[in-house]
Each structure stands twice: as structure tokens, then as C-alpha cells.
Amino acid sequence: MPVVAQVAALIAAAIHVWFFVLESVLFSRPGVAARFGLRTAEQIAAVRPMAFNQGFYNLFLAVGIAAGVAQIAGGAEVAGRSIILFACLCMVWAGIVLFVPYNFSAPYPYVPPTWLPGGSYGGIGSLIFPAGPTFGYDLRTPRFLPKDSDYLLAVEALSLNYSDPGNFIPYAYFEKVHITNAPPTLVADLSGSTLGPGEALNVNLSRSADVDGLIDAYRVEWGDGSATGWVQTESVRHTYATSGDYTVTIQVRDDTGATASMERTVHVETGILGLRVADFFALTGIVVAGVAISVALLIWRTRRRPRAPTAHLPNAPTPESPAMPPPPEQQGNPPLSPPPPP
């Protein structure tokens, strides 16, 4: 067997060993399960046993190729080539199956079938009908199936009358079903439509949902030229630098790329010294009233305080003695002349 073919087979074996690690060892990790289209813990738990088993299938194919190369190296050319060809063909056939359209998985979460009255026999997923009537069905697809794709719906009918060997031939009904993608439902909770200066706007999108998938990312344009970009955070906040009216555009995106959006208007009030205008004047009025009351109380207390006793000059009148008349020369009358000598 050519060396190039052996090297190619070993590369395929290494890839399948990596698949074994992903499916049987690391599958429970959210980042690994997301590669298989699984997002929630319930989906991972439902698929985990199948993935664990599938990983060992890939490992056994890789071991087969390694054993074939070892046989060739040991001189058993025919045996080694046969093992390598068998393992490689299994890989090719398994790859072809992945491209065959099918829909064999049950709806998620799984709901057992409903038995009709009078039904007495049937396997899991089987329904018994009397001859003649028709029946309808509602198809609910699993959430993790790729959307905007075509699937094959197969319904098989088998008679339970074993007296005629011809009844063992099943009747099958096939129909191509196109699964479309429903856009997500956007629910946005804003902290308010009117903000004060410096007050942050909070946008909570945790109540948004997707009926046929998962919410993948959120995006908010704040209306002032800034935006969050597509982020995984359900709650974001933003503070506006200036007052005015802003149109906030909010978007959500599901796991298949469909989006939903809405616009909300937010008004940011003009401020004085970092306060709303109304709050500023209200605070100013309180301060002015407080100062006026303080001054009035000070004046009132000053007037009610008793006067301190005053010191009197020697010639000043006192409350106990009447005032002495001033000398004649100070009363404005001419002084009396002395009597003439005898």
C-alpha cells in the first residue's frame, strides 16, 4: 500500500480520535456542545448518551486504521490493507449519511404518542386505527433542528391482520416538509423614558425569547452615536453626556440569524450643577427659606435679650438724684453784677 495512502488514512484516524474526545470526553462542556447545535442543559443531557456511544465508534475506526498500518509495517500487507480499506470505507459511508435529508428525531422535549380508544396493541410511537377513517397530525419539530431547510416526513402503516401474508407489506407515506425560522420575540424593559442629568439608562432584555430556537445575542444603539455591538449580556446601561431626546434602537438575534428590533424614545433633562432644573430651584428655595428663618430667629432673640447696665459720668444725672441746673453763664442769661460799694 503506498505510503501516501497510509499517511492519509492516519490523518483520518487522528480526526476521528479528536471526534472521540469531543463526543465522549468533553461533550458536557457548553462550548463543545454548542458546536453540535446544542445550547441548553436539557438538550445536552438528552443527546449526551448518544454522543458518548458515537465517540467510541469513531475511536474504534481510528484504532482499526492504526492496526492496519501496524500490520503493513510488520509485513502483513494484505491483512493491513484490508483493515485500512474497511475502516476508511466506514468513514466515507458515515459521511454520506450526514448529507441524506431525514427527520427521524422525536420532538424535543419528547411527548409519548396518544392512544386511540379501543387500541390494544402497538409499539412505542405506534397508533392503531380501525379501517376506513382518516387521521391528521400536527408536526412539532425539535428546537435544535436547522431552520429554513427541507426534511422528509415518513409515515408507515402496517396491517395487524396476520392471516394474509400480503398484509405484512407496509404502506408508506412520504412528504417533504420545509421548516421555516420564526423570528425571536423582543421584550425590552427600560429604567425610564425621562432621565435626569447624569442618570444612567438601564435596558433589560432577559424576557426576550425564541419559540423555535435560542436567543443568540443582543444589540442596543443609544441614539448618541454609541452602541453596544452584538453582546451576550441581557442587561446593559448607558449614561448620556448632554440633554435632549434620543432614539434608542434595540435588537435581538436568534441562533439562526433572524432578528427583531424596536425603537424607544428617551428624554434627558437639562441640568444646573448636575441637578434637574426643577430640583435645582426646589433646593435653592429650601436653602433661601432656611437662611431667612435663621436670620429672623437671630433678630428675635436679640430683641428679647435684657440690656446691660451703663456707666454714668460724675455730673451725669442718675435715676436717684435730679439733674443739677447749669451755671448761669451756661444758661444764656447775662451774669449778675456785684452790688456797688457803700
Protein backbone atom coordinates (compact mmCIF):
# COMPACT_ATOMS: atom_id res chain seq x y z
CA MET A 1 0.00 0.00 0.00
CA PRO A 2 1.51 3.39 -0.94
CA VAL A 3 2.94 5.45 1.89
CA VAL A 4 0.84 8.45 0.81
CA ALA A 5 -2.34 6.39 1.29
CA GLN A 6 -1.20 5.23 4.73
CA VAL A 7 -0.45 8.83 5.77
CA ALA A 8 -3.88 9.97 4.56
CA ALA A 9 -5.51 7.13 6.50
CA LEU A 10 -3.60 8.08 9.65
CA ILE A 11 -4.76 11.71 9.27
CA ALA A 12 -8.37 10.49 9.05
CA ALA A 13 -7.75 8.36 12.14
CA ALA A 14 -6.38 11.36 14.06
CA ILE A 15 -9.51 13.37 13.11
CA HIS A 16 -11.73 10.58 14.42
CA VAL A 17 -9.75 10.43 17.66
CA TRP A 18 -10.49 14.14 18.05
CA PHE A 19 -14.18 13.41 17.43
CA PHE A 20 -13.97 10.79 20.18
CA VAL A 21 -12.56 13.36 22.60
CA LEU A 22 -15.30 15.87 21.74
CA GLU A 23 -18.20 13.40 21.90
CA SER A 24 -17.19 11.06 24.70
CA VAL A 25 -14.94 13.18 26.94
CA LEU A 26 -15.67 16.90 26.55
CA PHE A 27 -19.27 16.81 25.30
CA SER A 28 -20.81 18.18 28.52
CA ARG A 29 -18.93 21.44 28.22
CA PRO A 30 -21.20 24.19 26.81
CA GLY A 31 -18.60 25.36 24.31
CA VAL A 32 -18.21 21.84 22.90
CA ALA A 33 -21.94 21.08 22.82
CA ALA A 34 -22.57 24.36 21.01
CA ARG A 35 -20.56 23.00 18.06
CA PHE A 36 -23.27 20.36 17.68
CA GLY A 37 -26.09 22.95 17.83
CA LEU A 38 -26.96 22.32 21.48
CA ARG A 39 -27.46 25.36 23.70
CA THR A 40 -29.35 24.42 26.84
CA ALA A 41 -28.54 21.96 29.63
CA GLU A 42 -31.68 19.97 28.76
CA GLN A 43 -30.55 19.48 25.16
CA ILE A 44 -27.05 18.44 26.24
CA ALA A 45 -28.45 15.92 28.75
CA ALA A 46 -30.77 14.41 26.11
CA VAL A 47 -28.04 13.92 23.49
CA ARG A 48 -25.17 13.05 25.86
CA PRO A 49 -25.67 9.22 25.90
CA MET A 50 -25.85 9.04 22.11
CA ALA A 51 -22.77 11.25 21.70
CA PHE A 52 -20.84 9.15 24.23
CA ASN A 53 -21.58 5.99 22.24
CA GLN A 54 -20.87 7.66 18.90
CA GLY A 55 -17.49 8.84 20.11
CA PHE A 56 -16.37 5.24 20.72
CA TYR A 57 -17.45 4.29 17.21
CA ASN A 58 -15.08 6.96 15.89
CA LEU A 59 -12.33 5.73 18.21
CA PHE A 60 -12.72 2.12 17.02
CA LEU A 61 -12.42 3.22 13.38
CA ALA A 62 -9.23 5.12 14.23
CA VAL A 63 -7.85 2.08 16.07
CA GLY A 64 -8.63 -0.07 13.02
CA ILE A 65 -6.57 2.18 10.76
CA ALA A 66 -3.70 2.22 13.23
CA ALA A 67 -3.84 -1.58 13.43
CA GLY A 68 -3.80 -1.85 9.62
CA VAL A 69 -0.75 0.38 9.35
CA ALA A 70 0.96 -1.73 12.03
CA GLN A 71 0.16 -4.90 10.04
CA ILE A 72 1.71 -3.44 6.91
CA ALA A 73 4.79 -2.36 8.85
CA GLY A 74 5.06 -5.92 10.17
CA GLY A 75 4.97 -7.40 6.68
CA ALA A 76 1.28 -8.45 6.55
CA GLU A 77 0.48 -6.31 3.51
CA VAL A 78 -2.84 -7.93 2.57
CA ALA A 79 -4.28 -8.01 6.08
CA GLY A 80 -3.21 -4.45 6.84
CA ARG A 81 -4.58 -3.08 3.56
CA SER A 82 -7.90 -4.87 4.11
CA ILE A 83 -8.32 -3.41 7.61
CA ILE A 84 -7.43 0.11 6.43
CA LEU A 85 -9.84 -0.06 3.46
CA PHE A 86 -12.69 -1.32 5.65
CA ALA A 87 -12.19 1.44 8.25
CA CYS A 88 -11.88 4.16 5.59
CA LEU A 89 -15.00 2.94 3.76
CA CYS A 90 -16.95 3.07 7.03
CA MET A 91 -15.85 6.68 7.44
CA VAL A 92 -16.91 7.53 3.88
CA TRP A 93 -20.31 5.83 4.24
CA ALA A 94 -20.95 7.60 7.54
CA GLY A 95 -20.09 10.91 5.89
CA ILE A 96 -22.53 10.24 3.04
CA VAL A 97 -25.33 9.54 5.54
CA LEU A 98 -24.87 13.02 7.00
CA PHE A 99 -25.97 14.55 3.68
CA VAL A 100 -29.14 12.43 3.38
CA PRO A 101 -32.23 14.50 4.36
CA TYR A 102 -34.12 12.89 7.17
CA ASN A 103 -36.21 13.70 10.21
CA PHE A 104 -36.11 10.66 12.47
CA SER A 105 -35.73 12.54 15.75
CA ALA A 106 -38.72 12.96 18.03
CA PRO A 107 -39.88 16.43 19.09
CA TYR A 108 -37.93 17.91 21.98
CA PRO A 109 -38.91 17.52 24.74
CA TYR A 110 -40.25 14.07 23.84
CA VAL A 111 -44.03 13.59 24.19
CA PRO A 112 -45.34 9.98 24.08
CA PRO A 113 -47.99 9.27 21.43
CA THR A 114 -51.67 9.33 22.28
CA TRP A 115 -53.52 6.03 22.01
CA LEU A 116 -56.95 6.00 20.40
CA PRO A 117 -59.91 4.47 22.31
CA GLY A 118 -60.02 0.74 21.75
CA GLY A 119 -56.35 0.46 20.90
CA SER A 120 -54.90 -2.71 22.31
CA TYR A 121 -51.59 -3.24 20.61
CA GLY A 122 -48.72 -1.22 19.30
CA GLY A 123 -45.12 -0.37 19.86
CA ILE A 124 -43.64 2.90 21.01
CA GLY A 125 -44.66 5.60 18.59
CA SER A 126 -47.44 3.42 17.08
CA LEU A 127 -51.13 4.22 16.80
CA ILE A 128 -53.94 1.81 15.93
CA PHE A 129 -56.81 2.92 13.69
CA PRO A 130 -59.85 0.99 12.53
CA ALA A 131 -60.27 0.56 8.81
CA GLY A 132 -61.82 3.44 6.95
CA PRO A 133 -61.30 6.71 8.86
CA THR A 134 -58.54 9.16 8.11
CA PHE A 135 -56.39 10.97 10.60
CA GLY A 136 -54.45 14.21 10.73
CA TYR A 137 -51.34 15.25 12.57
CA ASP A 138 -49.57 18.30 13.94
CA LEU A 139 -45.83 18.25 13.31
CA ARG A 140 -43.73 19.85 16.03
CA THR A 141 -40.08 19.98 15.09
CA PRO A 142 -37.21 19.83 17.58
CA ARG A 143 -35.85 23.24 18.55
CA PHE A 144 -32.29 22.33 17.63
CA LEU A 145 -33.03 21.32 14.02
CA PRO A 146 -31.53 23.69 11.42
CA LYS A 147 -34.23 26.03 10.11
CA ASP A 148 -35.02 27.10 6.54
CA SER A 149 -34.31 23.53 5.40
CA ASP A 150 -36.25 20.68 3.81
CA TYR A 151 -36.93 17.43 5.68
CA LEU A 152 -38.52 14.13 4.73
CA LEU A 153 -41.59 13.11 6.77
CA ALA A 154 -42.31 9.37 6.57
CA VAL A 155 -45.48 7.67 7.83
CA GLU A 156 -45.61 3.88 7.69
CA ALA A 157 -48.79 1.79 8.05
CA LEU A 158 -48.71 -1.96 8.72
CA SER A 159 -51.74 -4.24 8.97
CA LEU A 160 -52.17 -6.32 12.12
CA ASN A 161 -54.17 -8.99 10.29
CA TYR A 162 -51.61 -11.81 10.12
CA SER A 163 -53.94 -14.28 8.40
CA ASP A 164 -53.00 -12.93 4.98
CA PRO A 165 -49.27 -12.87 4.22
CA GLY A 166 -49.87 -9.90 1.92
CA ASN A 167 -50.70 -7.77 4.94
CA PHE A 168 -47.09 -7.91 6.03
CA ILE A 169 -46.25 -5.44 3.24
CA PRO A 170 -46.16 -1.98 4.87
CA TYR A 171 -47.72 1.07 3.34
CA ALA A 172 -45.56 4.19 3.47
CA TYR A 173 -46.35 7.87 3.01
CA PHE A 174 -43.61 10.40 2.35
CA GLU A 175 -43.84 14.15 2.33
CA LYS A 176 -41.23 16.86 2.05
CA VAL A 177 -41.57 19.35 4.89
CA HIS A 178 -39.93 22.78 4.85
CA ILE A 179 -39.15 24.13 8.31
CA THR A 180 -39.04 27.91 8.39
CA ASN A 181 -37.43 30.01 11.06
CA ALA A 182 -39.65 32.15 13.28
CA PRO A 183 -38.07 35.44 14.36
CA PRO A 184 -37.41 35.98 18.05
CA THR A 185 -39.77 37.89 20.34
CA LEU A 186 -38.22 41.08 21.68
CA VAL A 187 -39.23 42.33 25.14
CA ALA A 188 -37.29 45.35 26.44
CA ASP A 189 -37.62 46.81 29.94
CA LEU A 190 -36.18 50.36 30.28
CA SER A 191 -35.44 52.00 33.61
CA GLY A 192 -37.34 55.11 32.44
CA SER A 193 -38.28 57.30 29.49
CA THR A 194 -37.19 60.53 31.22
CA LEU A 195 -33.75 60.79 32.78
CA GLY A 196 -32.09 63.42 34.90
CA PRO A 197 -28.62 64.79 34.17
CA GLY A 198 -26.01 62.08 34.75
CA GLU A 199 -28.67 59.40 35.34
CA ALA A 200 -27.93 56.05 33.61
CA LEU A 201 -30.40 54.31 31.31
CA ASN A 202 -30.75 50.57 32.03
CA VAL A 203 -32.11 48.22 29.35
CA ASN A 204 -33.06 44.68 30.41
CA LEU A 205 -33.77 42.12 27.66
CA SER A 206 -33.99 38.95 29.76
CA ARG A 207 -37.69 38.41 28.90
CA SER A 208 -36.98 38.07 25.18
CA ALA A 209 -37.47 34.56 23.77
CA ASP A 210 -37.45 32.47 20.61
CA VAL A 211 -40.20 29.90 20.07
CA ASP A 212 -38.15 27.64 17.78
CA GLY A 213 -34.61 28.26 18.94
CA LEU A 214 -32.46 30.30 21.30
CA ILE A 215 -31.57 33.96 21.71
CA ASP A 216 -28.00 34.31 20.49
CA ALA A 217 -27.09 37.99 21.04
CA TYR A 218 -28.37 41.46 21.90
CA ARG A 219 -27.56 44.92 20.48
CA VAL A 220 -28.52 48.44 21.60
CA GLU A 221 -27.89 51.70 19.73
CA TRP A 222 -28.19 54.55 22.24
CA GLY A 223 -29.00 57.30 19.74
CA ASP A 224 -25.96 59.44 20.51
CA GLY A 225 -23.60 57.65 18.12
CA SER A 226 -22.60 54.86 20.51
CA ALA A 227 -23.76 51.22 20.54
CA THR A 228 -23.06 48.01 22.42
CA GLY A 229 -22.48 45.82 19.38
CA TRP A 230 -23.75 42.22 19.44
CA VAL A 231 -23.20 41.01 23.01
CA GLN A 232 -24.37 38.08 25.14
CA THR A 233 -25.30 40.32 28.09
CA GLU A 234 -29.05 40.56 28.74
CA SER A 235 -28.82 43.83 30.70
CA VAL A 236 -26.83 46.91 29.57
CA ARG A 237 -26.63 50.54 30.73
CA HIS A 238 -25.56 53.89 29.29
CA THR A 239 -25.13 57.48 30.52
CA TYR A 240 -25.74 60.42 28.16
CA ALA A 241 -23.31 63.32 28.18
CA THR A 242 -25.80 66.03 27.13
CA SER A 243 -29.51 66.68 27.45
CA GLY A 244 -32.00 66.12 24.64
CA ASP A 245 -34.21 63.48 23.04
CA TYR A 246 -32.59 60.21 21.90
CA THR A 247 -33.99 57.33 19.84
CA VAL A 248 -32.81 54.02 21.29
CA THR A 249 -32.79 51.09 18.83
CA ILE A 250 -32.89 47.64 20.47
CA GLN A 251 -32.28 44.34 18.61
CA VAL A 252 -32.16 40.63 19.44
CA ARG A 253 -30.86 37.81 17.24
CA ASP A 254 -31.65 34.09 17.42
CA ASP A 255 -29.31 31.17 16.78
CA THR A 256 -30.17 31.06 13.05
CA GLY A 257 -29.60 34.76 12.38
CA ALA A 258 -33.18 36.08 12.45
CA THR A 259 -33.56 39.42 14.24
CA ALA A 260 -36.26 41.52 15.86
CA SER A 261 -35.98 45.21 16.71
CA MET A 262 -37.82 48.11 18.31
CA GLU A 263 -37.26 51.81 18.92
CA ARG A 264 -37.88 53.75 22.14
CA THR A 265 -37.51 57.50 22.76
CA VAL A 266 -35.65 58.70 25.85
CA HIS A 267 -35.61 62.31 27.08
CA VAL A 268 -32.64 63.58 29.09
CA GLU A 269 -33.47 66.74 31.05
CA THR A 270 -31.35 69.89 31.18
CA GLY A 271 -29.47 70.27 34.44
CA ILE A 272 -27.91 73.01 36.60
CA LEU A 273 -24.88 71.98 38.62
CA GLY A 274 -25.68 68.35 37.87
CA LEU A 275 -29.31 68.62 39.05
CA ARG A 276 -32.63 68.75 37.23
CA VAL A 277 -33.88 72.33 36.76
CA ALA A 278 -36.91 71.70 38.97
CA ASP A 279 -34.77 70.01 41.62
CA PHE A 280 -32.24 72.87 41.50
CA PHE A 281 -34.86 75.57 42.09
CA ALA A 282 -36.58 73.49 44.75
CA LEU A 283 -33.28 73.04 46.57
CA THR A 284 -32.48 76.74 46.15
CA GLY A 285 -35.85 77.69 47.64
CA ILE A 286 -35.25 75.42 50.61
CA VAL A 287 -31.82 76.98 51.21
CA VAL A 288 -33.16 80.55 50.92
CA ALA A 289 -36.07 79.78 53.23
CA GLY A 290 -33.68 78.22 55.74
CA VAL A 291 -31.42 81.29 55.69
CA ALA A 292 -34.39 83.65 56.08
CA ILE A 293 -35.74 81.69 59.04
CA SER A 294 -32.29 81.67 60.69
CA VAL A 295 -31.91 85.45 60.31
CA ALA A 296 -35.42 86.08 61.69
CA LEU A 297 -34.73 83.92 64.73
CA LEU A 298 -31.46 85.74 65.34
CA ILE A 299 -33.16 89.14 65.26
CA TRP A 300 -35.98 87.95 67.54
CA ARG A 301 -33.59 86.60 70.13
CA THR A 302 -31.51 89.77 70.04
CA ARG A 303 -34.53 91.99 70.82
CA ARG A 304 -35.66 89.82 73.72
CA ARG A 305 -32.23 89.89 75.43
CA PRO A 306 -32.08 92.35 78.53
CA ARG A 307 -29.86 95.46 78.26
CA ALA A 308 -26.61 95.58 80.26
CA PRO A 309 -26.21 98.43 82.93
CA THR A 310 -24.48 101.62 81.65
CA ALA A 311 -21.73 103.60 83.48
CA HIS A 312 -22.59 107.31 84.32
CA LEU A 313 -20.25 110.34 84.29
CA PRO A 314 -19.71 112.30 87.53
CA ASN A 315 -22.01 115.17 86.50
CA ALA A 316 -24.44 112.98 84.68
CA PRO A 317 -27.87 112.60 86.22
CA THR A 318 -28.70 109.41 87.93
CA PRO A 319 -32.10 107.88 88.40
CA GLU A 320 -31.80 108.56 92.19
CA SER A 321 -30.91 112.35 92.04
CA PRO A 322 -32.43 115.13 89.97
CA ALA A 323 -30.30 116.90 87.45
CA MET A 324 -28.36 120.00 88.69
CA PRO A 325 -29.05 123.22 86.80
CA PRO A 326 -26.13 124.51 84.80
CA PRO A 327 -24.17 127.62 85.95
CA PRO A 328 -25.70 130.96 84.98
CA GLU A 329 -23.07 131.66 82.40
CA GLN A 330 -24.09 128.43 80.67
CA GLN A 331 -27.83 129.22 80.75
CA GLY A 332 -27.67 132.02 78.17
CA ASN A 333 -28.52 134.89 80.68
CA PRO A 334 -26.01 137.68 81.49
CA PRO A 335 -24.32 137.23 84.84
CA LEU A 336 -25.45 139.42 87.78
CA SER A 337 -23.12 142.35 88.58
CA PRO A 338 -21.98 142.68 92.19
CA PRO A 339 -23.59 145.48 94.27
CA PRO A 340 -21.78 148.86 94.30
CA PRO A 341 -19.61 149.67 97.29
CA PRO A 342 -21.15 151.95 100.03
